[in-house]
Amino acid sequence: MKKLKNKLWYSYAFVWMDASWKSTIVERISNEINAVIVKDNNPKMSILRKTIEKSPLNDPDLRFDYYSLLSYNEVEIWKKILLKQWKNIVFDRNSECTIANNAAMWSIKAKNAKLEDITDFTPDLTFYLDVKKEERIKRMKSRWNITEADKLLIKEWWLLDKTDKEYKKFDDIHIRIDTTNKTINEVVKEVKNYILDNIKNTIEENSEKMIK
C-alpha cells in the first residue's frame, strides 16, 4: 500500500455500520478540514449495479467484482483531484467496505481477497464508525425516509453482525469509534482530534528527517 511522504495534503476514509451517522459525519469532517469528498457519481456505474442486481447472474462474486471496480474508480477520482487541487481528501467508503460487505453476503472471492488485490492506495487514517445493535435498530426505525433495504436490515439484523465480524479482520488498520452513546458533535470532535494529531505527527516526523 502506498502512502506519500513529505506531502501537503492528507487523506481519510470511513467505513461504517449502518445507522452510525456516517454521511453526516463525513460532510462535517470535510468542512472542518477543508477536504474534498470522494464519491463515485458515475451514472453508468449505477446502471451497471442495477443491471447486475436484476440479472439471473446476480451472484455474490459478480457483485464483488462490481464493487471492486467501483473502489478502483474512486481511487482514480482521487488521483485527478490530487493533480488539480492538492486538497485534503475524505473517502465516504473504502476498499475494506468492498471486501467486508461482500464477504458477509457469501462471496467466496471477497472472503479470500486482500486489500492489495483491489487497490494500491491506503488513506492516512481509516475510521470505523460502529453502533450497538439496539441503538442501530432504533435509529433506523426513526428515519423519516426509511427504505426497503433499512426494513430488511432491521428484520435480518444478523446480516450486519456478520458484516461487523468481517470488518474486525481490518482492526489493525482501523480506528474504531463507537457512536452508540455519543452525539454527532462528540463523534465529529473525536474524529477531528485524531486527524489533527495525525497531521501534527506527520509534520514532526518529516521535520526530523529533514534535519538528519
Protein backbone atom coordinates (compact mmCIF):
# COMPACT_ATOMS: atom_id res chain seq x y z
CA MET A 1 0.00 0.00 0.00
CA LYS A 2 1.24 3.45 -0.85
CA LYS A 3 1.43 6.47 1.41
CA LEU A 4 3.06 9.66 0.24
CA LYS A 5 5.70 11.29 2.40
CA ASN A 6 6.62 14.99 2.71
CA LYS A 7 3.19 15.94 1.48
CA LEU A 8 0.92 18.97 1.62
CA TRP A 9 -2.35 17.05 1.78
CA TYR A 10 -3.89 14.26 3.83
CA SER A 11 -6.48 11.59 3.10
CA TYR A 12 -9.01 9.98 5.42
CA ALA A 13 -11.59 7.26 4.88
CA PHE A 14 -14.68 6.00 6.65
CA VAL A 15 -16.14 2.53 6.88
CA TRP A 16 -19.25 2.06 8.93
CA MET A 17 -22.04 0.09 10.47
CA ASP A 18 -25.49 1.19 9.27
CA ALA A 19 -27.06 4.00 11.34
CA SER A 20 -23.71 5.20 12.68
CA TRP A 21 -24.25 8.68 11.13
CA LYS A 22 -21.55 8.13 8.52
CA SER A 23 -22.96 10.50 5.85
CA THR A 24 -23.43 13.39 8.29
CA ILE A 25 -20.02 12.89 9.89
CA VAL A 26 -18.26 12.73 6.52
CA GLU A 27 -19.88 16.02 5.49
CA ARG A 28 -18.99 17.68 8.80
CA ILE A 29 -15.38 16.49 8.80
CA SER A 30 -14.82 17.52 5.17
CA ASN A 31 -15.95 21.05 6.08
CA GLU A 32 -13.83 21.11 9.23
CA ILE A 33 -10.58 20.22 7.40
CA ASN A 34 -11.41 21.83 4.03
CA ALA A 35 -11.45 18.49 2.22
CA VAL A 36 -12.95 17.14 -0.98
CA ILE A 37 -15.32 14.19 -0.51
CA VAL A 38 -14.55 11.42 -2.99
CA LYS A 39 -17.68 9.66 -4.20
CA ASP A 40 -18.40 7.76 -7.35
CA ASN A 41 -21.32 9.51 -9.02
CA ASN A 42 -20.84 7.94 -12.43
CA PRO A 43 -24.39 7.19 -13.68
CA LYS A 44 -23.07 4.38 -15.90
CA MET A 45 -21.81 2.59 -12.78
CA SER A 46 -25.24 2.92 -11.13
CA ILE A 47 -26.91 1.47 -14.22
CA LEU A 48 -24.44 -1.42 -14.16
CA ARG A 49 -25.23 -2.16 -10.50
CA LYS A 50 -28.99 -2.22 -11.16
CA THR A 51 -28.45 -4.48 -14.16
CA ILE A 52 -26.39 -6.91 -12.07
CA GLU A 53 -28.97 -6.98 -9.27
CA LYS A 54 -31.83 -7.75 -11.67
CA SER A 55 -29.88 -10.27 -13.68
CA PRO A 56 -30.08 -14.06 -13.21
CA LEU A 57 -26.30 -13.73 -12.84
CA ASN A 58 -26.77 -11.71 -9.63
CA ASP A 59 -24.41 -13.89 -7.65
CA PRO A 60 -22.18 -12.76 -4.75
CA ASP A 61 -18.93 -12.96 -6.69
CA LEU A 62 -20.31 -10.85 -9.54
CA ARG A 63 -21.39 -8.18 -7.04
CA PHE A 64 -17.91 -8.27 -5.53
CA ASP A 65 -16.38 -7.68 -8.99
CA TYR A 66 -18.68 -4.69 -9.47
CA TYR A 67 -17.79 -3.08 -6.13
CA SER A 68 -14.10 -3.77 -6.70
CA LEU A 69 -14.37 -1.81 -9.94
CA LEU A 70 -16.18 0.95 -8.06
CA SER A 71 -13.38 1.09 -5.48
CA TYR A 72 -10.77 1.32 -8.23
CA ASN A 73 -12.76 4.12 -9.87
CA GLU A 74 -12.82 6.11 -6.62
CA VAL A 75 -9.02 5.97 -6.41
CA GLU A 76 -8.82 7.25 -9.98
CA ILE A 77 -11.09 10.15 -8.99
CA TRP A 78 -8.77 10.83 -6.05
CA LYS A 79 -5.75 10.99 -8.35
CA LYS A 80 -7.45 13.58 -10.56
CA ILE A 81 -8.37 15.71 -7.54
CA LEU A 82 -4.82 15.50 -6.25
CA LEU A 83 -3.29 16.58 -9.55
CA LYS A 84 -5.67 19.51 -9.99
CA GLN A 85 -6.32 20.80 -6.48
CA TRP A 86 -3.84 19.43 -3.91
CA LYS A 87 -6.51 19.39 -1.21
CA ASN A 88 -7.26 17.13 1.72
CA ILE A 89 -9.46 14.19 0.73
CA VAL A 90 -12.18 12.26 2.54
CA PHE A 91 -13.42 8.93 1.17
CA ASP A 92 -17.02 8.15 2.12
CA ARG A 93 -16.24 4.45 1.73
CA ASN A 94 -13.04 2.45 1.43
CA SER A 95 -11.78 -0.78 -0.11
CA GLU A 96 -12.40 -2.63 3.15
CA CYS A 97 -16.12 -1.94 2.59
CA THR A 98 -15.93 -3.83 -0.68
CA ILE A 99 -14.34 -6.87 0.93
CA ALA A 100 -16.25 -6.96 4.23
CA ASN A 101 -19.74 -6.30 2.88
CA ASN A 102 -19.44 -8.80 0.04
CA ALA A 103 -17.77 -11.45 2.20
CA ALA A 104 -20.73 -11.16 4.58
CA MET A 105 -23.05 -11.68 1.59
CA TRP A 106 -21.50 -15.04 0.72
CA SER A 107 -18.90 -14.00 -1.89
CA ILE A 108 -16.11 -16.58 -1.90
CA LYS A 109 -13.90 -14.20 -3.89
CA ALA A 110 -14.36 -11.50 -1.24
CA LYS A 111 -13.64 -13.98 1.57
CA ASN A 112 -10.27 -14.74 0.00
CA ALA A 113 -9.47 -11.20 -1.18
CA LYS A 114 -6.72 -8.95 0.16
CA LEU A 115 -6.67 -5.17 0.03
CA GLU A 116 -3.80 -5.15 -2.44
CA ASP A 117 -6.00 -7.14 -4.82
CA ILE A 118 -8.25 -4.13 -5.43
CA THR A 119 -6.19 -1.04 -4.57
CA ASP A 120 -2.61 0.23 -4.37
CA PHE A 121 -3.52 3.11 -2.07
CA THR A 122 -4.35 3.42 1.61
CA PRO A 123 -5.52 6.60 3.40
CA ASP A 124 -3.57 8.17 6.25
CA LEU A 125 -6.30 7.11 8.68
CA THR A 126 -9.42 4.99 8.32
CA PHE A 127 -12.25 5.34 10.84
CA TYR A 128 -14.73 2.56 11.54
CA LEU A 129 -17.97 4.08 12.82
CA ASP A 130 -19.74 1.49 14.94
CA VAL A 131 -23.08 1.36 16.75
CA LYS A 132 -24.56 -1.30 19.02
CA LYS A 133 -27.45 -3.40 17.68
CA GLU A 134 -30.25 -1.97 19.86
CA GLU A 135 -29.30 1.64 19.10
CA ARG A 136 -28.75 0.81 15.41
CA ILE A 137 -32.27 -0.56 15.05
CA LYS A 138 -33.72 2.40 16.98
CA ARG A 139 -32.00 4.90 14.67
CA MET A 140 -33.02 3.05 11.52
CA LYS A 141 -36.66 2.89 12.60
CA SER A 142 -36.68 6.63 13.34
CA ARG A 143 -35.57 7.62 9.82
CA TRP A 144 -38.17 9.74 8.05
CA ASN A 145 -37.17 8.23 4.69
CA ILE A 146 -36.78 4.60 5.77
CA THR A 147 -36.09 2.38 2.78
CA GLU A 148 -36.91 -1.23 1.95
CA ALA A 149 -33.22 -2.01 2.49
CA ASP A 150 -33.47 -0.49 6.00
CA LYS A 151 -36.53 -2.61 6.76
CA LEU A 152 -34.71 -5.73 5.61
CA LEU A 153 -31.68 -4.98 7.81
CA ILE A 154 -33.92 -4.30 10.82
CA LYS A 155 -35.59 -7.66 10.31
CA GLU A 156 -32.46 -9.57 9.34
CA TRP A 157 -30.21 -7.83 11.89
CA TRP A 158 -27.78 -10.76 11.89
CA LEU A 159 -26.53 -9.64 8.44
CA LEU A 160 -24.98 -6.52 9.98
CA ASP A 161 -23.46 -8.57 12.82
CA LYS A 162 -21.94 -10.83 10.19
CA THR A 163 -20.57 -7.79 8.35
CA ASP A 164 -19.05 -6.45 11.57
CA LYS A 165 -17.16 -9.73 12.01
CA GLU A 166 -15.67 -9.28 8.54
CA TYR A 167 -14.63 -5.71 9.40
CA LYS A 168 -12.83 -6.97 12.52
CA LYS A 169 -10.25 -8.54 10.18
CA PHE A 170 -9.09 -4.97 9.50
CA ASP A 171 -8.99 -3.77 13.12
CA ASP A 172 -5.21 -3.33 12.89
CA ILE A 173 -5.65 -0.52 10.32
CA HIS A 174 -8.93 0.96 11.59
CA ILE A 175 -9.67 3.44 14.34
CA ARG A 176 -12.91 2.05 15.75
CA ILE A 177 -15.28 4.66 17.19
CA ASP A 178 -18.46 3.53 18.95
CA THR A 179 -21.16 6.12 18.27
CA THR A 180 -23.81 4.39 20.41
CA ASN A 181 -23.86 6.73 23.40
CA LYS A 182 -22.44 9.81 21.71
CA THR A 183 -23.89 12.80 19.91
CA ILE A 184 -22.88 13.64 16.35
CA ASN A 185 -20.91 16.63 17.66
CA GLU A 186 -18.97 14.39 20.04
CA VAL A 187 -18.10 11.94 17.27
CA VAL A 188 -17.01 14.75 14.94
CA LYS A 189 -14.79 16.19 17.67
CA GLU A 190 -13.21 12.78 18.36
CA VAL A 191 -12.50 12.17 14.67
CA LYS A 192 -11.11 15.67 14.20
CA ASN A 193 -8.74 15.22 17.16
CA TYR A 194 -7.35 12.04 15.59
CA ILE A 195 -6.85 13.88 12.30
CA LEU A 196 -5.12 16.88 13.88
CA ASP A 197 -2.80 14.56 15.81
CA ASN A 198 -2.02 12.68 12.60
CA ILE A 199 -1.14 15.89 10.74
CA LYS A 200 0.97 17.15 13.66
CA ASN A 201 2.88 13.86 13.96
CA THR A 202 3.49 13.66 10.22
CA ILE A 203 4.89 17.19 10.12
CA GLU A 204 7.16 16.47 13.10
CA GLU A 205 8.42 13.22 11.53
CA ASN A 206 9.17 14.94 8.22
CA SER A 207 10.95 17.79 10.03
CA GLU A 208 13.19 15.33 11.89
CA LYS A 209 14.07 13.59 8.62
CA MET A 210 14.98 16.92 7.02
CA ILE A 211 17.27 17.78 9.93
CA LYS A 212 19.03 14.42 9.67
